[in-house]
Amino acid sequence: MVELNPMFIEGHPFTAVSVKLPKTNLMAVYNDKGYIMCGALDVAFFNEKLADRGIIAGKAVGVRTIDQLLDAPLESVTLEAEKYGITKGMIGREALLKMVD
């Protein structure tokens, strides 16, 4: 099952997506600039193989709900995300707000 829900963080629009799979869920919260995602995101791959795409993203591990994803510290971030002031250990919702123009 796939759930797609609009949401606002401090008045800024984002979209939350959750894909329920056997034994796991894939979750992300995004806007037109970037996203945060559950542990399925391979940040090292993005940094090594897709660096030229400028992907702004962060990964939180051990989360099972969108609310947990928003409140969890990021375990890793892409190199492009670092250019926006998004850092490892930053809370997910704080990282998303850095993605707002």
N, C-alpha and C. Protein backbone atom coordinates (compact mmCIF):
# COMPACT_ATOMS: atom_id res chain seq x y z
N MET A 1 0.83 -1.17 0.00
CA MET A 1 0.00 0.00 0.00
C MET A 1 0.88 1.25 0.00
N VAL A 2 0.49 2.25 -0.74
CA VAL A 2 1.22 3.51 -0.81
C VAL A 2 0.33 4.62 -0.24
N GLU A 3 0.89 5.41 0.66
CA GLU A 3 0.19 6.56 1.22
C GLU A 3 0.95 7.82 0.83
N LEU A 4 0.22 8.80 0.36
CA LEU A 4 0.80 10.07 -0.06
C LEU A 4 -0.02 11.17 0.62
N ASN A 5 0.64 11.96 1.48
CA ASN A 5 -0.09 12.96 2.26
C ASN A 5 0.62 14.30 2.23
N PRO A 6 -0.13 15.37 1.93
CA PRO A 6 0.45 16.71 2.05
C PRO A 6 0.62 17.05 3.52
N MET A 7 1.62 17.85 3.83
CA MET A 7 1.84 18.29 5.21
C MET A 7 2.53 19.64 5.19
N PHE A 8 2.48 20.33 6.32
CA PHE A 8 3.13 21.63 6.44
C PHE A 8 4.04 21.60 7.66
N ILE A 9 5.23 22.18 7.50
CA ILE A 9 6.17 22.36 8.61
C ILE A 9 6.43 23.85 8.67
N GLU A 10 6.01 24.44 9.79
CA GLU A 10 6.11 25.89 9.98
C GLU A 10 5.55 26.64 8.77
N GLY A 11 4.43 26.16 8.25
CA GLY A 11 3.74 26.82 7.15
C GLY A 11 4.27 26.50 5.76
N HIS A 12 5.31 25.70 5.66
CA HIS A 12 5.90 25.35 4.36
C HIS A 12 5.39 23.98 3.91
N PRO A 13 4.98 23.87 2.65
CA PRO A 13 4.40 22.62 2.16
C PRO A 13 5.44 21.54 1.85
N PHE A 14 5.11 20.34 2.25
CA PHE A 14 5.90 19.15 1.96
C PHE A 14 4.93 18.02 1.64
N THR A 15 5.45 16.92 1.14
CA THR A 15 4.66 15.72 0.90
C THR A 15 5.32 14.56 1.63
N ALA A 16 4.50 13.78 2.33
CA ALA A 16 4.99 12.58 3.01
C ALA A 16 4.52 11.37 2.21
N VAL A 17 5.43 10.46 1.95
CA VAL A 17 5.08 9.24 1.23
C VAL A 17 5.56 8.04 2.05
N SER A 18 4.69 7.05 2.13
CA SER A 18 5.02 5.82 2.85
C SER A 18 4.60 4.64 1.98
N VAL A 19 5.51 3.72 1.78
CA VAL A 19 5.23 2.51 1.01
C VAL A 19 5.36 1.33 1.97
N LYS A 20 4.23 0.67 2.20
CA LYS A 20 4.22 -0.48 3.12
C LYS A 20 4.55 -1.74 2.33
N LEU A 21 5.67 -2.35 2.69
CA LEU A 21 6.14 -3.57 2.05
C LEU A 21 6.17 -4.68 3.10
N PRO A 22 6.27 -5.94 2.68
CA PRO A 22 6.40 -7.00 3.68
C PRO A 22 7.63 -6.78 4.56
N LYS A 23 7.41 -6.73 5.84
CA LYS A 23 8.46 -6.63 6.86
C LYS A 23 9.18 -5.29 6.93
N THR A 24 8.76 -4.30 6.14
CA THR A 24 9.40 -2.99 6.21
C THR A 24 8.51 -1.92 5.60
N ASN A 25 8.84 -0.68 5.88
CA ASN A 25 8.18 0.47 5.26
C ASN A 25 9.25 1.36 4.66
N LEU A 26 8.97 1.94 3.52
CA LEU A 26 9.84 2.96 2.94
C LEU A 26 9.13 4.29 3.15
N MET A 27 9.85 5.27 3.68
CA MET A 27 9.23 6.56 3.99
C MET A 27 10.13 7.70 3.55
N ALA A 28 9.49 8.77 3.10
CA ALA A 28 10.21 9.98 2.74
C ALA A 28 9.30 11.18 2.93
N VAL A 29 9.91 12.32 3.22
CA VAL A 29 9.21 13.60 3.24
C VAL A 29 10.00 14.51 2.32
N TYR A 30 9.31 15.18 1.39
CA TYR A 30 10.03 15.94 0.37
C TYR A 30 9.30 17.21 -0.03
N ASN A 31 10.06 18.07 -0.68
CA ASN A 31 9.52 19.22 -1.40
C ASN A 31 10.22 19.26 -2.76
N ASP A 32 10.11 20.35 -3.47
CA ASP A 32 10.70 20.42 -4.81
C ASP A 32 12.22 20.53 -4.80
N LYS A 33 12.82 20.73 -3.62
CA LYS A 33 14.26 20.90 -3.53
C LYS A 33 14.99 19.63 -3.07
N GLY A 34 14.41 18.90 -2.11
CA GLY A 34 15.09 17.72 -1.58
C GLY A 34 14.21 16.92 -0.65
N TYR A 35 14.82 16.02 0.11
CA TYR A 35 14.04 15.14 0.96
C TYR A 35 14.86 14.50 2.08
N ILE A 36 14.11 13.98 3.05
CA ILE A 36 14.68 13.10 4.05
C ILE A 36 14.00 11.75 3.87
N MET A 37 14.71 10.69 4.23
CA MET A 37 14.18 9.36 3.98
C MET A 37 14.62 8.41 5.08
N CYS A 38 13.95 7.28 5.15
CA CYS A 38 14.32 6.24 6.11
C CYS A 38 15.65 5.59 5.70
N GLY A 39 16.05 4.57 6.43
CA GLY A 39 17.33 3.92 6.23
C GLY A 39 17.55 3.28 4.87
N ALA A 40 16.53 3.20 4.03
CA ALA A 40 16.70 2.61 2.70
C ALA A 40 17.52 3.50 1.76
N LEU A 41 17.67 4.76 2.11
CA LEU A 41 18.43 5.69 1.26
C LEU A 41 19.92 5.38 1.34
N ASP A 42 20.56 5.23 0.20
CA ASP A 42 21.99 4.95 0.14
C ASP A 42 22.75 6.24 -0.15
N VAL A 43 23.06 6.98 0.90
CA VAL A 43 23.73 8.28 0.78
C VAL A 43 25.10 8.13 0.12
N ALA A 44 25.84 7.10 0.49
CA ALA A 44 27.17 6.90 -0.10
C ALA A 44 27.08 6.73 -1.61
N PHE A 45 26.08 6.01 -2.08
CA PHE A 45 25.89 5.85 -3.53
C PHE A 45 25.63 7.19 -4.19
N PHE A 46 24.77 8.00 -3.58
CA PHE A 46 24.49 9.32 -4.14
C PHE A 46 25.76 10.17 -4.20
N ASN A 47 26.54 10.14 -3.13
CA ASN A 47 27.75 10.95 -3.07
C ASN A 47 28.82 10.46 -4.04
N GLU A 48 28.91 9.16 -4.25
CA GLU A 48 29.96 8.60 -5.09
C GLU A 48 29.57 8.52 -6.57
N LYS A 49 28.35 8.11 -6.85
CA LYS A 49 27.94 7.83 -8.23
C LYS A 49 27.04 8.89 -8.85
N LEU A 50 26.35 9.66 -8.01
CA LEU A 50 25.38 10.63 -8.54
C LEU A 50 25.65 12.05 -8.07
N ALA A 51 26.88 12.32 -7.68
CA ALA A 51 27.22 13.65 -7.15
C ALA A 51 26.91 14.76 -8.14
N ASP A 52 27.03 14.47 -9.42
CA ASP A 52 26.79 15.49 -10.43
C ASP A 52 25.31 15.89 -10.54
N ARG A 53 24.42 15.14 -9.91
CA ARG A 53 22.99 15.46 -9.95
C ARG A 53 22.58 16.46 -8.87
N GLY A 54 23.44 16.69 -7.90
CA GLY A 54 23.13 17.68 -6.86
C GLY A 54 21.94 17.32 -5.99
N ILE A 55 21.84 16.07 -5.59
CA ILE A 55 20.69 15.61 -4.80
C ILE A 55 20.84 16.05 -3.35
N ILE A 56 19.82 16.74 -2.85
CA ILE A 56 19.78 17.22 -1.47
C ILE A 56 18.94 16.22 -0.68
N ALA A 57 19.60 15.44 0.18
CA ALA A 57 18.87 14.39 0.90
C ALA A 57 19.58 14.03 2.20
N GLY A 58 18.79 13.49 3.12
CA GLY A 58 19.32 13.00 4.38
C GLY A 58 18.63 11.71 4.77
N LYS A 59 19.32 10.89 5.55
CA LYS A 59 18.81 9.57 5.94
C LYS A 59 18.74 9.47 7.46
N ALA A 60 17.60 8.99 7.95
CA ALA A 60 17.43 8.66 9.37
C ALA A 60 17.21 7.16 9.47
N VAL A 61 17.79 6.53 10.47
CA VAL A 61 17.65 5.09 10.63
C VAL A 61 16.81 4.76 11.87
N GLY A 62 16.22 3.57 11.86
CA GLY A 62 15.45 3.11 13.00
C GLY A 62 14.08 3.75 13.14
N VAL A 63 13.57 4.35 12.07
CA VAL A 63 12.26 5.01 12.12
C VAL A 63 11.20 4.12 11.48
N ARG A 64 10.00 4.18 12.02
CA ARG A 64 8.91 3.34 11.50
C ARG A 64 7.68 4.14 11.10
N THR A 65 7.68 5.44 11.40
CA THR A 65 6.56 6.29 11.04
C THR A 65 7.09 7.62 10.50
N ILE A 66 6.22 8.35 9.82
CA ILE A 66 6.61 9.67 9.32
C ILE A 66 6.95 10.59 10.49
N ASP A 67 6.18 10.54 11.56
CA ASP A 67 6.48 11.39 12.73
C ASP A 67 7.87 11.08 13.29
N GLN A 68 8.22 9.81 13.37
CA GLN A 68 9.56 9.45 13.83
C GLN A 68 10.62 9.97 12.88
N LEU A 69 10.36 9.89 11.59
CA LEU A 69 11.31 10.40 10.59
C LEU A 69 11.54 11.89 10.78
N LEU A 70 10.49 12.63 11.04
CA LEU A 70 10.60 14.08 11.24
C LEU A 70 11.39 14.42 12.50
N ASP A 71 11.30 13.58 13.52
CA ASP A 71 11.92 13.88 14.81
C ASP A 71 13.27 13.20 15.03
N ALA A 72 13.69 12.37 14.10
CA ALA A 72 14.94 11.62 14.26
C ALA A 72 16.15 12.43 13.79
N PRO A 73 17.30 12.20 14.44
CA PRO A 73 18.53 12.80 13.93
C PRO A 73 18.95 12.10 12.64
N LEU A 74 19.48 12.87 11.70
CA LEU A 74 19.94 12.28 10.45
C LEU A 74 21.25 11.53 10.67
N GLU A 75 21.31 10.33 10.17
CA GLU A 75 22.50 9.48 10.30
C GLU A 75 23.54 9.84 9.26
N SER A 76 23.07 10.32 8.10
CA SER A 76 23.98 10.75 7.04
C SER A 76 23.24 11.69 6.10
N VAL A 77 24.01 12.51 5.38
CA VAL A 77 23.44 13.47 4.42
C VAL A 77 24.31 13.49 3.18
N THR A 78 23.72 13.92 2.07
CA THR A 78 24.50 14.01 0.83
C THR A 78 25.42 15.23 0.88
N LEU A 79 26.41 15.20 0.03
CA LEU A 79 27.34 16.34 -0.06
C LEU A 79 26.61 17.62 -0.44
N GLU A 80 25.63 17.50 -1.33
CA GLU A 80 24.86 18.67 -1.74
C GLU A 80 24.04 19.22 -0.56
N ALA A 81 23.51 18.34 0.28
CA ALA A 81 22.75 18.78 1.46
C ALA A 81 23.64 19.60 2.39
N GLU A 82 24.89 19.20 2.51
CA GLU A 82 25.82 19.94 3.38
C GLU A 82 25.98 21.39 2.91
N LYS A 83 25.87 21.62 1.61
CA LYS A 83 25.98 22.98 1.08
C LYS A 83 24.83 23.87 1.54
N TYR A 84 23.73 23.27 1.97
CA TYR A 84 22.56 23.99 2.46
C TYR A 84 22.55 24.07 3.99
N GLY A 85 23.63 23.62 4.63
CA GLY A 85 23.71 23.66 6.08
C GLY A 85 23.07 22.48 6.77
N ILE A 86 22.75 21.45 6.02
CA ILE A 86 22.16 20.23 6.59
C ILE A 86 23.31 19.32 7.00
N THR A 87 23.29 18.88 8.26
CA THR A 87 24.41 18.11 8.79
C THR A 87 23.95 16.82 9.46
N LYS A 88 24.86 15.89 9.55
CA LYS A 88 24.63 14.66 10.29
C LYS A 88 24.26 15.04 11.72
N GLY A 89 23.24 14.37 12.28
CA GLY A 89 22.79 14.65 13.64
C GLY A 89 21.66 15.67 13.70
N MET A 90 21.45 16.43 12.63
CA MET A 90 20.35 17.40 12.59
C MET A 90 19.02 16.65 12.57
N ILE A 91 18.03 17.17 13.27
CA ILE A 91 16.70 16.57 13.29
C ILE A 91 16.05 16.72 11.91
N GLY A 92 15.31 15.69 11.48
CA GLY A 92 14.72 15.66 10.16
C GLY A 92 13.93 16.90 9.79
N ARG A 93 13.06 17.37 10.68
CA ARG A 93 12.23 18.54 10.34
C ARG A 93 13.09 19.78 10.18
N GLU A 94 14.18 19.91 10.95
CA GLU A 94 15.09 21.04 10.81
C GLU A 94 15.78 21.00 9.44
N ALA A 95 16.16 19.80 9.02
CA ALA A 95 16.78 19.64 7.70
C ALA A 95 15.82 20.05 6.60
N LEU A 96 14.57 19.64 6.72
CA LEU A 96 13.59 20.01 5.70
C LEU A 96 13.43 21.52 5.60
N LEU A 97 13.44 22.19 6.72
CA LEU A 97 13.29 23.65 6.70
C LEU A 97 14.48 24.33 6.02
N LYS A 98 15.65 23.69 6.02
CA LYS A 98 16.81 24.22 5.31
C LYS A 98 16.62 24.11 3.79
N MET A 99 15.66 23.27 3.37
CA MET A 99 15.39 23.05 1.95
C MET A 99 14.35 24.01 1.41
N VAL A 100 13.92 24.96 2.24
CA VAL A 100 12.91 25.92 1.83
C VAL A 100 13.61 27.18 1.35
N ASP A 101 13.22 27.72 0.21
CA ASP A 101 13.82 28.96 -0.30
C ASP A 101 13.43 30.13 0.55
